[in-house]
Amino acid sequence: MRITIIEDDDRVARGLVTVLAQAGFEVHRLATAAEAVRAAPSDVVLVDLGLPDGDGLDVIRKLRDRPETAVIAVTARSEEHERVRGLRAGADDYIVKPFGIPELLARIDAVLRRTRVARALTLRDEPVLAGPIRICTATREVTVDDTPVTLTRKEYELLLLLARRAPDVVSRDVILDQIWGATWESSSRTLDTHIAALRQKIGPAAVIRTVHGVGYRLPADRPEPIG
């Protein structure tokens, strides 16, 4: 998952880049409105409204031409009319500085859910590859070393999430939220069951690695042979 941060304050930008990279995102930082308009598409864009060369609201309006991109306005402007302006300009959400990292991550996950369909349509003709795994999102066909693998709907969604973020770690909370829409204990046990089933179906050619206390990751390259 690619996140672009448009923020001219170096200290704030460095902090955001660090925590989002640790959360498993591919993070890019820009400092001006001009750079933002020319930037490659991202899954999420965090836009500071007080940019040195223009108003962040204008950036948000231009980003609305990319329905697969979720936009969160990040600013110190806390007044209600400012929040209304940001949302009417096209922001999917609005977060006021200072804010907590858990809140930011929760808001990012929420807007990603809202743009899931648009992203799927944008990527429908592009197979998702992770080592020997190939996922055709248009037909929902999965192969491992060109051998078809039959998955249930939840197994498919789980493998697709891990493959799209490979080789980054996807936390258990993010998986439970995006695949099951819940984080309670019974859902956590369900995740363990689905991981075990996936490992059995895709076999040793593609390894789902456990990162204890965090979540799971799927290597982007073929695993090294053992022995």
Protein backbone atom coordinates (compact mmCIF):
# COMPACT_ATOMS: atom_id res chain seq x y z
CA MET A 1 0.00 0.00 0.00
CA ARG A 2 1.46 3.35 -1.07
CA ILE A 3 0.96 6.50 1.04
CA THR A 4 2.06 9.97 -0.02
CA ILE A 5 2.58 12.64 2.65
CA ILE A 6 2.33 16.25 1.46
CA GLU A 7 3.83 18.21 4.35
CA ASP A 8 6.32 21.11 4.34
CA ASP A 9 7.31 20.77 8.02
CA ASP A 10 10.36 18.48 8.01
CA ARG A 11 9.96 17.41 11.65
CA VAL A 12 6.33 16.43 11.22
CA ALA A 13 7.03 14.73 7.90
CA ARG A 14 9.90 12.66 9.32
CA GLY A 15 7.72 11.45 12.17
CA LEU A 16 4.89 10.44 9.84
CA VAL A 17 7.24 8.67 7.43
CA THR A 18 8.75 6.67 10.29
CA VAL A 19 5.51 5.48 11.90
CA LEU A 20 3.76 4.69 8.61
CA ALA A 21 6.75 2.75 7.30
CA GLN A 22 6.79 0.79 10.56
CA ALA A 23 3.08 0.04 9.99
CA GLY A 24 3.97 -1.63 6.69
CA PHE A 25 3.20 1.11 4.17
CA GLU A 26 5.34 2.28 1.27
CA VAL A 27 5.71 5.96 2.15
CA HIS A 28 6.68 8.94 -0.02
CA ARG A 29 7.01 12.51 1.22
CA LEU A 30 6.48 15.69 -0.81
CA ALA A 31 6.76 19.28 0.43
CA THR A 32 4.86 21.42 -2.10
CA ALA A 33 1.54 21.59 -3.94
CA ALA A 34 3.35 21.52 -7.29
CA GLU A 35 5.07 18.24 -6.43
CA ALA A 36 1.78 16.77 -5.23
CA VAL A 37 -0.04 17.42 -8.51
CA ARG A 38 2.77 15.77 -10.53
CA ALA A 39 3.21 12.80 -8.19
CA ALA A 40 2.47 9.22 -9.11
CA PRO A 41 -0.87 7.85 -7.85
CA SER A 42 -1.07 6.57 -4.28
CA ASP A 43 -3.60 4.54 -2.32
CA VAL A 44 -3.75 7.26 0.37
CA VAL A 45 -2.61 10.89 0.34
CA LEU A 46 -2.20 12.90 3.55
CA VAL A 47 -2.45 16.59 2.62
CA ASP A 48 -1.35 19.45 4.86
CA LEU A 49 -3.62 22.38 4.01
CA GLY A 50 -0.98 25.06 4.71
CA LEU A 51 1.52 24.42 1.93
CA PRO A 52 4.18 27.02 1.01
CA ASP A 53 3.21 27.35 -2.66
CA GLY A 54 -0.56 26.97 -2.53
CA ASP A 55 -3.64 25.92 -0.63
CA GLY A 56 -3.94 22.22 0.19
CA LEU A 57 -7.62 22.46 -0.71
CA ASP A 58 -6.64 23.00 -4.36
CA VAL A 59 -4.49 19.86 -4.19
CA ILE A 60 -7.44 17.90 -2.80
CA ARG A 61 -9.70 19.12 -5.61
CA LYS A 62 -7.20 17.92 -8.21
CA LEU A 63 -6.83 14.56 -6.48
CA ARG A 64 -10.58 13.98 -6.77
CA ASP A 65 -9.92 12.98 -10.40
CA ARG A 66 -8.37 9.78 -8.98
CA PRO A 67 -11.27 7.81 -7.43
CA GLU A 68 -8.95 5.00 -6.37
CA THR A 69 -7.01 7.42 -4.11
CA ALA A 70 -8.21 8.19 -0.59
CA VAL A 71 -7.44 11.69 0.66
CA ILE A 72 -7.07 12.77 4.28
CA ALA A 73 -6.65 16.45 5.11
CA VAL A 74 -4.07 16.86 7.90
CA THR A 75 -3.94 20.33 9.40
CA ALA A 76 -3.85 22.54 12.46
CA ARG A 77 -7.06 24.26 11.34
CA SER A 78 -9.56 22.95 13.89
CA GLU A 79 -12.53 25.28 13.31
CA GLU A 80 -15.73 23.63 12.09
CA HIS A 81 -15.95 25.77 8.94
CA GLU A 82 -12.42 24.72 8.01
CA ARG A 83 -13.31 21.04 8.38
CA VAL A 84 -16.38 21.60 6.24
CA ARG A 85 -14.27 23.28 3.54
CA GLY A 86 -11.86 20.36 3.50
CA LEU A 87 -14.60 17.76 3.19
CA ARG A 88 -16.44 19.74 0.52
CA ALA A 89 -13.21 20.08 -1.46
CA GLY A 90 -13.20 16.30 -1.69
CA ALA A 91 -11.28 14.99 1.32
CA ASP A 92 -12.43 11.56 2.50
CA ASP A 93 -11.50 12.46 6.07
CA TYR A 94 -10.03 15.30 8.14
CA ILE A 95 -7.64 15.00 11.08
CA VAL A 96 -6.48 17.92 13.24
CA LYS A 97 -2.96 18.34 14.61
CA PRO A 98 -1.82 17.25 17.11
CA PHE A 99 -3.20 13.74 16.76
CA GLY A 100 -2.33 10.26 18.01
CA ILE A 101 -0.81 7.66 15.72
CA PRO A 102 -3.46 5.00 16.54
CA GLU A 103 -6.16 7.45 15.45
CA LEU A 104 -4.31 8.21 12.20
CA LEU A 105 -3.86 4.51 11.39
CA ALA A 106 -7.54 3.85 12.13
CA ARG A 107 -8.58 6.67 9.81
CA ILE A 108 -6.27 5.38 7.06
CA ASP A 109 -7.80 1.90 7.32
CA ALA A 110 -11.30 3.42 7.23
CA VAL A 111 -10.71 5.43 4.04
CA LEU A 112 -9.00 2.44 2.40
CA ARG A 113 -12.19 0.46 2.93
CA ARG A 114 -14.19 3.19 1.22
CA THR A 115 -11.96 3.20 -1.86
CA ARG A 116 -11.54 -0.59 -2.05
CA VAL A 117 -13.93 -0.99 -5.00
CA ALA A 118 -12.32 1.81 -7.02
CA ARG A 119 -8.86 0.37 -6.40
CA ALA A 120 -10.02 -3.08 -7.44
CA LEU A 121 -11.45 -1.69 -10.69
CA THR A 122 -8.23 0.20 -11.40
CA LEU A 123 -6.12 -2.89 -10.80
CA ARG A 124 -8.49 -5.47 -12.29
CA ASP A 125 -6.33 -6.18 -15.35
CA GLU A 126 -3.05 -6.29 -13.44
CA PRO A 127 -2.16 -9.61 -11.78
CA VAL A 128 -0.77 -9.43 -8.25
CA LEU A 129 2.55 -11.28 -7.97
CA ALA A 130 4.40 -12.43 -4.85
CA GLY A 131 7.15 -14.97 -5.46
CA PRO A 132 5.57 -18.03 -7.12
CA ILE A 133 2.05 -16.75 -6.38
CA ARG A 134 0.02 -15.11 -9.16
CA ILE A 135 -3.42 -13.66 -8.41
CA CYS A 136 -5.67 -12.55 -11.26
CA THR A 137 -8.06 -10.10 -9.63
CA ALA A 138 -10.37 -9.99 -12.66
CA THR A 139 -11.16 -13.71 -12.46
CA ARG A 140 -10.11 -14.38 -8.83
CA GLU A 141 -7.86 -17.17 -10.09
CA VAL A 142 -4.82 -18.05 -7.97
CA THR A 143 -1.85 -20.09 -9.12
CA VAL A 144 1.33 -21.18 -7.36
CA ASP A 145 4.11 -22.10 -9.81
CA ASP A 146 1.40 -22.09 -12.53
CA THR A 147 -0.64 -24.68 -10.61
CA PRO A 148 -4.23 -23.55 -9.87
CA VAL A 149 -5.18 -23.28 -6.20
CA THR A 150 -8.81 -23.31 -5.05
CA LEU A 151 -9.53 -20.93 -2.18
CA THR A 152 -12.61 -19.89 -0.25
CA ARG A 153 -13.67 -16.24 -0.48
CA LYS A 154 -12.03 -15.29 2.83
CA GLU A 155 -8.86 -17.24 2.01
CA TYR A 156 -8.67 -15.40 -1.32
CA GLU A 157 -9.14 -11.98 0.30
CA LEU A 158 -6.54 -12.79 2.96
CA LEU A 159 -3.96 -13.97 0.43
CA LEU A 160 -4.62 -10.95 -1.80
CA LEU A 161 -4.08 -8.54 1.12
CA LEU A 162 -0.78 -10.20 2.05
CA ALA A 163 0.37 -10.35 -1.59
CA ARG A 164 -0.41 -6.70 -2.28
CA ARG A 165 1.60 -5.60 0.77
CA ALA A 166 4.44 -8.10 0.28
CA PRO A 167 7.10 -8.13 1.60
CA ASP A 168 5.80 -5.85 4.36
CA VAL A 169 4.24 -7.17 7.55
CA VAL A 170 0.46 -6.85 7.82
CA SER A 171 -0.66 -6.61 11.43
CA ARG A 172 -3.33 -8.91 12.83
CA ASP A 173 -5.54 -5.92 13.65
CA VAL A 174 -5.38 -4.63 10.06
CA ILE A 175 -6.18 -8.09 8.65
CA LEU A 176 -9.11 -8.59 11.00
CA ASP A 177 -10.45 -5.11 10.30
CA GLN A 178 -10.18 -5.29 6.51
CA ILE A 179 -11.19 -8.93 5.98
CA TRP A 180 -13.64 -9.56 8.82
CA GLY A 181 -14.53 -6.04 9.89
CA ALA A 182 -13.89 -6.94 13.54
CA THR A 183 -11.10 -7.40 16.07
CA TRP A 184 -12.68 -9.50 18.82
CA GLU A 185 -11.11 -12.70 20.10
CA SER A 186 -13.32 -15.12 18.14
CA SER A 187 -12.32 -13.39 14.91
CA SER A 188 -8.66 -13.67 15.94
CA ARG A 189 -9.03 -17.45 16.23
CA THR A 190 -10.73 -17.46 12.82
CA LEU A 191 -7.69 -15.69 11.36
CA ASP A 192 -5.38 -18.38 12.76
CA THR A 193 -7.55 -21.05 11.16
CA HIS A 194 -7.50 -19.33 7.77
CA ILE A 195 -3.73 -18.83 7.87
CA ALA A 196 -3.27 -22.54 8.58
CA ALA A 197 -5.59 -23.47 5.70
CA LEU A 198 -3.80 -21.10 3.32
CA ARG A 199 -0.40 -22.51 4.23
CA GLN A 200 -1.63 -26.01 3.48
CA LYS A 201 -3.16 -25.03 0.13
CA ILE A 202 -0.30 -22.95 -1.28
CA GLY A 203 2.33 -25.41 -0.10
CA PRO A 204 6.04 -24.93 0.64
CA ALA A 205 6.72 -23.00 -2.58
CA ALA A 206 5.17 -19.89 -1.01
CA VAL A 207 5.68 -19.27 2.70
CA ILE A 208 3.43 -17.11 4.87
CA ARG A 209 5.76 -15.99 7.64
CA THR A 210 4.59 -15.23 11.16
CA VAL A 211 6.01 -12.10 12.81
CA HIS A 212 5.30 -12.90 16.44
CA GLY A 213 3.32 -10.29 18.29
CA VAL A 214 2.66 -8.33 15.08
CA GLY A 215 1.12 -10.24 12.18
CA TYR A 216 2.04 -11.99 8.94
CA ARG A 217 4.05 -11.31 5.81
CA LEU A 218 4.39 -12.89 2.41
CA PRO A 219 7.86 -12.60 0.86
CA ALA A 220 7.87 -10.86 -2.51
CA ASP A 221 10.50 -13.30 -3.82
CA ARG A 222 10.68 -17.08 -3.91
CA PRO A 223 11.71 -18.48 -0.51
CA GLU A 224 15.25 -19.78 -0.13
CA PRO A 225 15.44 -23.59 -0.11
CA ILE A 226 15.99 -25.17 3.30
CA GLY A 227 19.13 -27.25 3.80
